[in-house]
């Protein structure tokens, strides 16, 4: 198991996981399905976005997959393109 996958498992065990943060983690790990829920998705509210920020703070290398996430989940593209100005 990769170092990234181990970090994602540890993060997932915190319980502070939602569809959008799990989307970031799942795609970063190269998975075809979301590790949480039944679909990939972008944040829909402030709580969703907060969970995404917390994930990236805990596992900064998730940012390396922002382009992959934007391609798989077009609704996420605007948020990821403006990440630095939003956080």
Foldseek 3Di string as FASTA:
>chain_A
DDPLVVLVVVLVVVVLDDQALQLLSCVLVVHPAGPDDGHHEHDDDPSRVVSNVVSCVSPVCSLVCLVVSCVVYVVNVVCNVCVVVVD
